[in-house]
Amino acid sequence: MVRFTFVVGGGSKVRQKYDPNLQKYMSKSLQDIGFNLDNTACCAVECAETYKTQHDTDKNLKFLHVFPRVIITSGGAGGGGGAAEEAAPALSDLGSPGYLATVCEFATFQKMVQSKTQSWTQRKALMAELQERKAAFDAAEQKMMRMEPLTDEEQELYDLTSGDAIQEKLTWLSAHCKAMVENGEITMGEKQQLREQVSEDPTQTPTAAPNPTLAFVCTLAPGWRQAHGGKGGAGGGRGGE
């Protein structure tokens, strides 16, 4: 995702350089072509077609950040590649967030999440990667119990971490993502995604939810769900109280 930043004003020392209505003109133009104001927007695909304003007091400037429409295309055109393209990436691929998150210490993992992932969507994606690594570790452990040899990849995973260590990270990250939803620290696009998932089956419970996203919503306080368009939970909603 990309972001375009425009300087639209400033403090008393520089404001004379800018039209006093510049921010208003640009905001109106963006709204006319379908953009929405979202002050929680960040560089994530879910924030496409949004914009937000910022007053940077350190620089004494006012900014308008625009997150444009994006079109995601597949990496290749036509056939080709064969087995090389279908092979799963190695655990130790350089720059792989999944690798770093899997093998690092828990304290380092917490710092990584805070500094490298800005949105709820990014953290949810990281959690999905960790879940894959946990499943791979459990499978390797089962192979060892059956006295079957491990692949180089499985041996590397087994040597560098443990099932308990990965689960500790998953538990912490799951609670952190849930807190982001409860505290309203998600974008407009993410809220819409949550509303759609809840409306598909509002009777889901955390244990029955097919994915972590829906599990978060199902465990929220009823007040949050009502405020964001969710259906009443089991028990008949407001009318039964």
C-alpha atoms as a PDB file:
ATOM      1  CA  MET A   1       0.000   0.000   0.000  1.00  0.00           C
ATOM      2  CA  VAL A   2       1.177   3.540  -0.676  1.00  0.00           C
ATOM      3  CA  ARG A   3       0.407   6.897   0.896  1.00  0.00           C
ATOM      4  CA  PHE A   4       0.471  10.372  -0.641  1.00  0.00           C
ATOM      5  CA  THR A   5       1.120  13.227   1.771  1.00  0.00           C
ATOM      6  CA  PHE A   6       0.246  16.847   1.039  1.00  0.00           C
ATOM      7  CA  VAL A   7       1.191  19.888   3.103  1.00  0.00           C
ATOM      8  CA  VAL A   8      -2.035  21.888   3.493  1.00  0.00           C
ATOM      9  CA  GLY A   9      -1.160  24.423   6.186  1.00  0.00           C
ATOM     10  CA  GLY A  10       0.891  25.158   9.239  1.00  0.00           C
ATOM     11  CA  GLY A  11       1.308  27.101  12.426  1.00  0.00           C
ATOM     12  CA  SER A  12       1.483  30.854  12.840  1.00  0.00           C
ATOM     13  CA  LYS A  13       5.009  31.108  11.408  1.00  0.00           C
ATOM     14  CA  VAL A  14       4.241  29.438   8.071  1.00  0.00           C
ATOM     15  CA  ARG A  15       0.470  29.597   7.582  1.00  0.00           C
ATOM     16  CA  GLN A  16       0.749  32.606   5.233  1.00  0.00           C
ATOM     17  CA  LYS A  17       2.336  30.305   2.640  1.00  0.00           C
ATOM     18  CA  TYR A  18      -0.884  28.311   2.254  1.00  0.00           C
ATOM     19  CA  ASP A  19      -4.442  29.128   1.284  1.00  0.00           C
ATOM     20  CA  PRO A  20      -6.473  29.003   4.535  1.00  0.00           C
ATOM     21  CA  ASN A  21      -9.111  26.858   2.770  1.00  0.00           C
ATOM     22  CA  LEU A  22      -6.661  24.460   1.106  1.00  0.00           C
ATOM     23  CA  GLN A  23      -7.452  21.537   3.426  1.00  0.00           C
ATOM     24  CA  LYS A  24     -11.185  22.073   2.947  1.00  0.00           C
ATOM     25  CA  TYR A  25     -10.854  22.219  -0.850  1.00  0.00           C
ATOM     26  CA  MET A  26      -8.787  19.044  -1.025  1.00  0.00           C
ATOM     27  CA  SER A  27     -11.055  17.157   1.391  1.00  0.00           C
ATOM     28  CA  LYS A  28     -14.119  18.125  -0.655  1.00  0.00           C
ATOM     29  CA  SER A  29     -12.438  17.006  -3.890  1.00  0.00           C
ATOM     30  CA  LEU A  30     -11.529  13.646  -2.377  1.00  0.00           C
ATOM     31  CA  GLN A  31     -15.058  13.116  -1.081  1.00  0.00           C
ATOM     32  CA  ASP A  32     -16.460  13.931  -4.521  1.00  0.00           C
ATOM     33  CA  ILE A  33     -14.544  11.001  -6.043  1.00  0.00           C
ATOM     34  CA  GLY A  34     -15.533   8.523  -3.336  1.00  0.00           C
ATOM     35  CA  PHE A  35     -12.865   8.907  -0.645  1.00  0.00           C
ATOM     36  CA  ASN A  36     -13.821   8.828   3.046  1.00  0.00           C
ATOM     37  CA  LEU A  37     -12.233  10.528   6.038  1.00  0.00           C
ATOM     38  CA  ASP A  38     -10.719   7.938   8.393  1.00  0.00           C
ATOM     39  CA  ASN A  39      -8.389   9.276  11.069  1.00  0.00           C
ATOM     40  CA  THR A  40      -7.301   5.722  11.938  1.00  0.00           C
ATOM     41  CA  ALA A  41      -6.155   4.942   8.377  1.00  0.00           C
ATOM     42  CA  CYS A  42      -2.667   3.521   7.772  1.00  0.00           C
ATOM     43  CA  CYS A  43      -0.672   1.918   4.960  1.00  0.00           C
ATOM     44  CA  ALA A  44      -2.857  -1.174   4.674  1.00  0.00           C
ATOM     45  CA  VAL A  45      -4.893  -2.362   1.690  1.00  0.00           C
ATOM     46  CA  GLU A  46      -8.086  -2.106   3.765  1.00  0.00           C
ATOM     47  CA  CYS A  47      -7.548   1.664   3.977  1.00  0.00           C
ATOM     48  CA  ALA A  48      -7.734   2.242   0.227  1.00  0.00           C
ATOM     49  CA  GLU A  49      -9.936   5.197  -0.786  1.00  0.00           C
ATOM     50  CA  THR A  50      -9.536   6.992   2.546  1.00  0.00           C
ATOM     51  CA  TYR A  51      -7.711  10.064   3.788  1.00  0.00           C
ATOM     52  CA  LYS A  52      -6.827  11.625   7.111  1.00  0.00           C
ATOM     53  CA  THR A  53      -5.448  14.893   8.451  1.00  0.00           C
ATOM     54  CA  GLN A  54      -2.534  15.446  10.797  1.00  0.00           C
ATOM     55  CA  HIS A  55      -1.115  18.468  12.599  1.00  0.00           C
ATOM     56  CA  ASP A  56       2.572  17.803  13.235  1.00  0.00           C
ATOM     57  CA  THR A  57       3.452  20.183  16.063  1.00  0.00           C
ATOM     58  CA  ASP A  58       7.155  19.310  15.845  1.00  0.00           C
ATOM     59  CA  LYS A  59       7.339  20.413  12.210  1.00  0.00           C
ATOM     60  CA  ASN A  60       4.654  23.078  12.705  1.00  0.00           C
ATOM     61  CA  LEU A  61       2.844  21.800   9.591  1.00  0.00           C
ATOM     62  CA  LYS A  62      -0.559  20.381   8.727  1.00  0.00           C
ATOM     63  CA  PHE A  63      -0.704  17.331   6.471  1.00  0.00           C
ATOM     64  CA  LEU A  64      -3.341  15.564   4.417  1.00  0.00           C
ATOM     65  CA  HIS A  65      -2.525  11.867   3.964  1.00  0.00           C
ATOM     66  CA  VAL A  66      -4.266  10.115   1.063  1.00  0.00           C
ATOM     67  CA  PHE A  67      -4.475   6.330   0.678  1.00  0.00           C
ATOM     68  CA  PRO A  68      -5.401   5.739  -2.977  1.00  0.00           C
ATOM     69  CA  ARG A  69      -7.390   3.031  -4.711  1.00  0.00           C
ATOM     70  CA  VAL A  70      -5.283  -0.028  -5.428  1.00  0.00           C
ATOM     71  CA  ILE A  71      -5.702  -2.981  -7.764  1.00  0.00           C
ATOM     72  CA  ILE A  72      -4.014  -6.188  -6.641  1.00  0.00           C
ATOM     73  CA  THR A  73      -2.915  -8.420  -9.499  1.00  0.00           C
ATOM     74  CA  SER A  74      -1.420 -11.902  -9.440  1.00  0.00           C
ATOM     75  CA  GLY A  75       2.344 -12.171  -9.592  1.00  0.00           C
ATOM     76  CA  GLY A  76       2.573 -14.037 -12.882  1.00  0.00           C
ATOM     77  CA  ALA A  77       0.786 -13.993 -16.210  1.00  0.00           C
ATOM     78  CA  GLY A  78      -0.091 -17.354 -17.678  1.00  0.00           C
ATOM     79  CA  GLY A  79       1.360 -20.741 -16.842  1.00  0.00           C
ATOM     80  CA  GLY A  80       4.911 -21.600 -16.035  1.00  0.00           C
ATOM     81  CA  GLY A  81       7.014 -22.040 -12.960  1.00  0.00           C
ATOM     82  CA  GLY A  82       5.964 -25.615 -12.235  1.00  0.00           C
ATOM     83  CA  ALA A  83       6.941 -27.157  -8.929  1.00  0.00           C
ATOM     84  CA  ALA A  84       9.355 -24.361  -8.080  1.00  0.00           C
ATOM     85  CA  GLU A  85       6.462 -21.895  -7.772  1.00  0.00           C
ATOM     86  CA  GLU A  86       4.302 -24.315  -5.810  1.00  0.00           C
ATOM     87  CA  ALA A  87       6.947 -25.124  -3.200  1.00  0.00           C
ATOM     88  CA  ALA A  88       6.281 -23.613   0.214  1.00  0.00           C
ATOM     89  CA  PRO A  89       8.764 -20.902   1.253  1.00  0.00           C
ATOM     90  CA  ALA A  90      11.524 -22.031   3.581  1.00  0.00           C
ATOM     91  CA  LEU A  91      11.132 -21.232   7.249  1.00  0.00           C
ATOM     92  CA  SER A  92      14.400 -19.309   7.276  1.00  0.00           C
ATOM     93  CA  ASP A  93      13.709 -17.173   4.194  1.00  0.00           C
ATOM     94  CA  LEU A  94      15.479 -13.879   4.803  1.00  0.00           C
ATOM     95  CA  GLY A  95      13.034 -11.127   5.688  1.00  0.00           C
ATOM     96  CA  SER A  96      10.199 -13.511   6.446  1.00  0.00           C
ATOM     97  CA  PRO A  97       8.071 -12.078   9.273  1.00  0.00           C
ATOM     98  CA  GLY A  98       6.855 -15.586  10.012  1.00  0.00           C
ATOM     99  CA  TYR A  99      10.395 -16.819  10.580  1.00  0.00           C
ATOM    100  CA  LEU A 100      11.381 -13.896  12.810  1.00  0.00           C
ATOM    101  CA  ALA A 101       8.168 -14.063  14.823  1.00  0.00           C
ATOM    102  CA  THR A 102       8.515 -17.808  15.286  1.00  0.00           C
ATOM    103  CA  VAL A 103      12.101 -18.030  16.492  1.00  0.00           C
ATOM    104  CA  CYS A 104      12.607 -14.806  18.462  1.00  0.00           C
ATOM    105  CA  GLU A 105      12.302 -14.470  22.238  1.00  0.00           C
ATOM    106  CA  PHE A 106       8.896 -13.514  23.622  1.00  0.00           C
ATOM    107  CA  ALA A 107      10.027 -10.035  24.739  1.00  0.00           C
ATOM    108  CA  THR A 108      11.490  -9.389  21.283  1.00  0.00           C
ATOM    109  CA  PHE A 109       8.264 -10.608  19.698  1.00  0.00           C
ATOM    110  CA  GLN A 110       6.219  -8.102  21.713  1.00  0.00           C
ATOM    111  CA  LYS A 111       8.489  -5.236  20.629  1.00  0.00           C
ATOM    112  CA  MET A 112       8.307  -6.426  17.021  1.00  0.00           C
ATOM    113  CA  VAL A 113       4.510  -6.398  17.031  1.00  0.00           C
ATOM    114  CA  GLN A 114       4.374  -2.898  18.509  1.00  0.00           C
ATOM    115  CA  SER A 115       6.918  -1.384  16.102  1.00  0.00           C
ATOM    116  CA  LYS A 116       6.440  -3.310  12.865  1.00  0.00           C
ATOM    117  CA  THR A 117       2.684  -3.881  12.664  1.00  0.00           C
ATOM    118  CA  GLN A 118       0.479  -0.810  12.694  1.00  0.00           C
ATOM    119  CA  SER A 119      -2.979  -2.115  11.873  1.00  0.00           C
ATOM    120  CA  TRP A 120      -5.287  -4.808  13.204  1.00  0.00           C
ATOM    121  CA  THR A 121      -5.229  -6.465   9.775  1.00  0.00           C
ATOM    122  CA  GLN A 122      -1.444  -6.738   9.810  1.00  0.00           C
ATOM    123  CA  ARG A 123      -1.481  -8.269  13.283  1.00  0.00           C
ATOM    124  CA  LYS A 124      -4.214 -10.701  12.296  1.00  0.00           C
ATOM    125  CA  ALA A 125      -2.084 -11.776   9.305  1.00  0.00           C
ATOM    126  CA  LEU A 126       0.903 -12.301  11.595  1.00  0.00           C
ATOM    127  CA  MET A 127      -1.252 -14.432  13.865  1.00  0.00           C
ATOM    128  CA  ALA A 128      -2.265 -16.579  10.888  1.00  0.00           C
ATOM    129  CA  GLU A 129       1.420 -17.136  10.089  1.00  0.00           C
ATOM    130  CA  LEU A 130       2.132 -18.142  13.667  1.00  0.00           C
ATOM    131  CA  GLN A 131      -0.768 -20.585  13.592  1.00  0.00           C
ATOM    132  CA  GLU A 132       0.742 -22.192  10.490  1.00  0.00           C
ATOM    133  CA  ARG A 133       4.119 -22.485  12.232  1.00  0.00           C
ATOM    134  CA  LYS A 134       2.466 -24.000  15.295  1.00  0.00           C
ATOM    135  CA  ALA A 135       0.713 -26.594  13.131  1.00  0.00           C
ATOM    136  CA  ALA A 136       4.021 -27.399  11.402  1.00  0.00           C
ATOM    137  CA  PHE A 137       5.765 -27.790  14.762  1.00  0.00           C
ATOM    138  CA  ASP A 138       3.036 -30.120  16.059  1.00  0.00           C
ATOM    139  CA  ALA A 139       3.290 -32.198  12.892  1.00  0.00           C
ATOM    140  CA  ALA A 140       7.063 -32.486  13.292  1.00  0.00           C
ATOM    141  CA  GLU A 141       6.616 -33.536  16.904  1.00  0.00           C
ATOM    142  CA  GLN A 142       4.184 -36.271  15.850  1.00  0.00           C
ATOM    143  CA  LYS A 143       6.685 -37.544  13.299  1.00  0.00           C
ATOM    144  CA  MET A 144       9.351 -37.793  15.968  1.00  0.00           C
ATOM    145  CA  MET A 145       7.001 -39.765  18.204  1.00  0.00           C
ATOM    146  CA  ARG A 146       6.508 -42.188  15.326  1.00  0.00           C
ATOM    147  CA  MET A 147      10.300 -42.400  14.899  1.00  0.00           C
ATOM    148  CA  GLU A 148      10.074 -40.875  11.412  1.00  0.00           C
ATOM    149  CA  PRO A 149      12.923 -38.690  10.095  1.00  0.00           C
ATOM    150  CA  LEU A 150      12.320 -34.939   9.892  1.00  0.00           C
ATOM    151  CA  THR A 151      12.950 -32.836   6.826  1.00  0.00           C
ATOM    152  CA  ASP A 152      15.615 -30.121   7.057  1.00  0.00           C
ATOM    153  CA  GLU A 153      12.844 -27.574   7.399  1.00  0.00           C
ATOM    154  CA  GLU A 154      11.132 -29.445  10.215  1.00  0.00           C
ATOM    155  CA  GLN A 155      14.428 -30.015  12.010  1.00  0.00           C
ATOM    156  CA  GLU A 156      15.257 -26.317  11.833  1.00  0.00           C
ATOM    157  CA  LEU A 157      11.875 -25.395  13.279  1.00  0.00           C
ATOM    158  CA  TYR A 158      12.203 -27.971  16.056  1.00  0.00           C
ATOM    159  CA  ASP A 159      15.714 -26.786  16.982  1.00  0.00           C
ATOM    160  CA  LEU A 160      14.875 -23.079  17.100  1.00  0.00           C
ATOM    161  CA  THR A 161      11.639 -22.953  19.085  1.00  0.00           C
ATOM    162  CA  SER A 162       9.030 -24.969  20.962  1.00  0.00           C
ATOM    163  CA  GLY A 163       5.298 -25.509  20.797  1.00  0.00           C
ATOM    164  CA  ASP A 164       4.810 -23.731  24.118  1.00  0.00           C
ATOM    165  CA  ALA A 165       6.798 -20.709  22.944  1.00  0.00           C
ATOM    166  CA  ILE A 166       4.715 -20.341  19.798  1.00  0.00           C
ATOM    167  CA  GLN A 167       1.482 -20.786  21.746  1.00  0.00           C
ATOM    168  CA  GLU A 168       2.520 -18.092  24.228  1.00  0.00           C
ATOM    169  CA  LYS A 169       2.936 -15.644  21.346  1.00  0.00           C
ATOM    170  CA  LEU A 170      -0.393 -16.652  19.830  1.00  0.00           C
ATOM    171  CA  THR A 171      -2.225 -16.177  23.125  1.00  0.00           C
ATOM    172  CA  TRP A 172      -0.705 -12.731  23.679  1.00  0.00           C
ATOM    173  CA  LEU A 173      -1.305 -11.587  20.099  1.00  0.00           C
ATOM    174  CA  SER A 174      -4.903 -12.836  20.114  1.00  0.00           C
ATOM    175  CA  ALA A 175      -5.659 -10.853  23.285  1.00  0.00           C
ATOM    176  CA  HIS A 176      -3.936  -7.802  21.816  1.00  0.00           C
ATOM    177  CA  CYS A 177      -6.008  -7.941  18.605  1.00  0.00           C
ATOM    178  CA  LYS A 178      -9.211  -8.380  20.588  1.00  0.00           C
ATOM    179  CA  ALA A 179      -8.325  -5.317  22.684  1.00  0.00           C
ATOM    180  CA  MET A 180      -7.812  -3.273  19.499  1.00  0.00           C
ATOM    181  CA  VAL A 181     -11.348  -4.115  18.397  1.00  0.00           C
ATOM    182  CA  GLU A 182     -12.886  -3.373  21.803  1.00  0.00           C
ATOM    183  CA  ASN A 183     -11.040  -0.029  22.052  1.00  0.00           C
ATOM    184  CA  GLY A 184     -12.047   1.057  18.539  1.00  0.00           C
ATOM    185  CA  GLU A 185      -8.458   0.998  17.250  1.00  0.00           C
ATOM    186  CA  ILE A 186      -9.434  -0.346  13.838  1.00  0.00           C
ATOM    187  CA  THR A 187     -10.083   1.285  10.492  1.00  0.00           C
ATOM    188  CA  MET A 188     -13.429   1.849   8.814  1.00  0.00           C
ATOM    189  CA  GLY A 189     -12.724  -0.991   6.395  1.00  0.00           C
ATOM    190  CA  GLU A 190     -11.916  -3.366   9.239  1.00  0.00           C
ATOM    191  CA  LYS A 191     -15.093  -2.385  11.086  1.00  0.00           C
ATOM    192  CA  GLN A 192     -17.119  -3.114   7.965  1.00  0.00           C
ATOM    193  CA  GLN A 193     -15.428  -6.493   7.631  1.00  0.00           C
ATOM    194  CA  LEU A 194     -16.302  -7.341  11.225  1.00  0.00           C
ATOM    195  CA  ARG A 195     -19.915  -6.215  10.831  1.00  0.00           C
ATOM    196  CA  GLU A 196     -20.314  -8.355   7.724  1.00  0.00           C
ATOM    197  CA  GLN A 197     -18.886 -11.423   9.434  1.00  0.00           C
ATOM    198  CA  VAL A 198     -21.110 -11.021  12.490  1.00  0.00           C
ATOM    199  CA  SER A 199     -24.218 -10.398  10.386  1.00  0.00           C
ATOM    200  CA  GLU A 200     -23.578 -13.619   8.444  1.00  0.00           C
ATOM    201  CA  ASP A 201     -24.026 -15.664  11.628  1.00  0.00           C
ATOM    202  CA  PRO A 202     -24.600 -13.609  14.816  1.00  0.00           C
ATOM    203  CA  THR A 203     -25.166 -16.782  16.864  1.00  0.00           C
ATOM    204  CA  GLN A 204     -21.551 -17.921  16.525  1.00  0.00           C
ATOM    205  CA  THR A 205     -19.694 -18.502  19.759  1.00  0.00           C
ATOM    206  CA  PRO A 206     -15.921 -18.063  20.244  1.00  0.00           C
ATOM    207  CA  THR A 207     -15.416 -21.822  20.310  1.00  0.00           C
ATOM    208  CA  ALA A 208     -17.549 -22.398  17.227  1.00  0.00           C
ATOM    209  CA  ALA A 209     -16.219 -19.458  15.227  1.00  0.00           C
ATOM    210  CA  PRO A 210     -14.479 -20.673  12.066  1.00  0.00           C
ATOM    211  CA  ASN A 211     -11.706 -18.091  12.221  1.00  0.00           C
ATOM    212  CA  PRO A 212      -9.988 -15.790  14.736  1.00  0.00           C
ATOM    213  CA  THR A 213     -11.626 -12.676  13.276  1.00  0.00           C
ATOM    214  CA  LEU A 214     -15.138 -13.851  14.072  1.00  0.00           C
ATOM    215  CA  ALA A 215     -14.036 -15.171  17.438  1.00  0.00           C
ATOM    216  CA  PHE A 216     -12.907 -11.678  18.440  1.00  0.00           C
ATOM    217  CA  VAL A 217     -16.261 -10.179  17.519  1.00  0.00           C
ATOM    218  CA  CYS A 218     -18.242 -12.878  19.294  1.00  0.00           C
ATOM    219  CA  THR A 219     -16.414 -12.212  22.547  1.00  0.00           C
ATOM    220  CA  LEU A 220     -16.981  -8.442  22.481  1.00  0.00           C
ATOM    221  CA  ALA A 221     -19.221  -6.670  24.936  1.00  0.00           C
ATOM    222  CA  PRO A 222     -22.829  -6.405  23.639  1.00  0.00           C
ATOM    223  CA  GLY A 223     -22.595  -2.616  23.778  1.00  0.00           C
ATOM    224  CA  TRP A 224     -19.836  -2.557  21.182  1.00  0.00           C
ATOM    225  CA  ARG A 225     -21.741  -4.808  18.810  1.00  0.00           C
ATOM    226  CA  GLN A 226     -24.940  -2.760  19.155  1.00  0.00           C
ATOM    227  CA  ALA A 227     -23.021   0.467  18.562  1.00  0.00           C
ATOM    228  CA  HIS A 228     -21.505  -0.932  15.373  1.00  0.00           C
ATOM    229  CA  GLY A 229     -24.574  -2.474  13.829  1.00  0.00           C
ATOM    230  CA  GLY A 230     -24.221  -6.013  15.193  1.00  0.00           C
ATOM    231  CA  LYS A 231     -27.197  -8.225  15.915  1.00  0.00           C
ATOM    232  CA  GLY A 232     -28.323  -9.052  19.397  1.00  0.00           C
ATOM    233  CA  GLY A 233     -26.706 -12.166  20.762  1.00  0.00           C
ATOM    234  CA  ALA A 234     -28.313 -15.254  22.143  1.00  0.00           C
ATOM    235  CA  GLY A 235     -31.069 -14.521  24.594  1.00  0.00           C
ATOM    236  CA  GLY A 236     -33.330 -12.397  22.403  1.00  0.00           C
ATOM    237  CA  GLY A 237     -31.489  -9.012  22.340  1.00  0.00           C
ATOM    238  CA  ARG A 238     -32.720  -5.868  24.046  1.00  0.00           C
ATOM    239  CA  GLY A 239     -36.355  -6.788  23.984  1.00  0.00           C
ATOM    240  CA  GLY A 240     -35.841  -9.638  26.454  1.00  0.00           C
ATOM    241  CA  GLU A 241     -34.166  -7.491  29.105  1.00  0.00           C
END
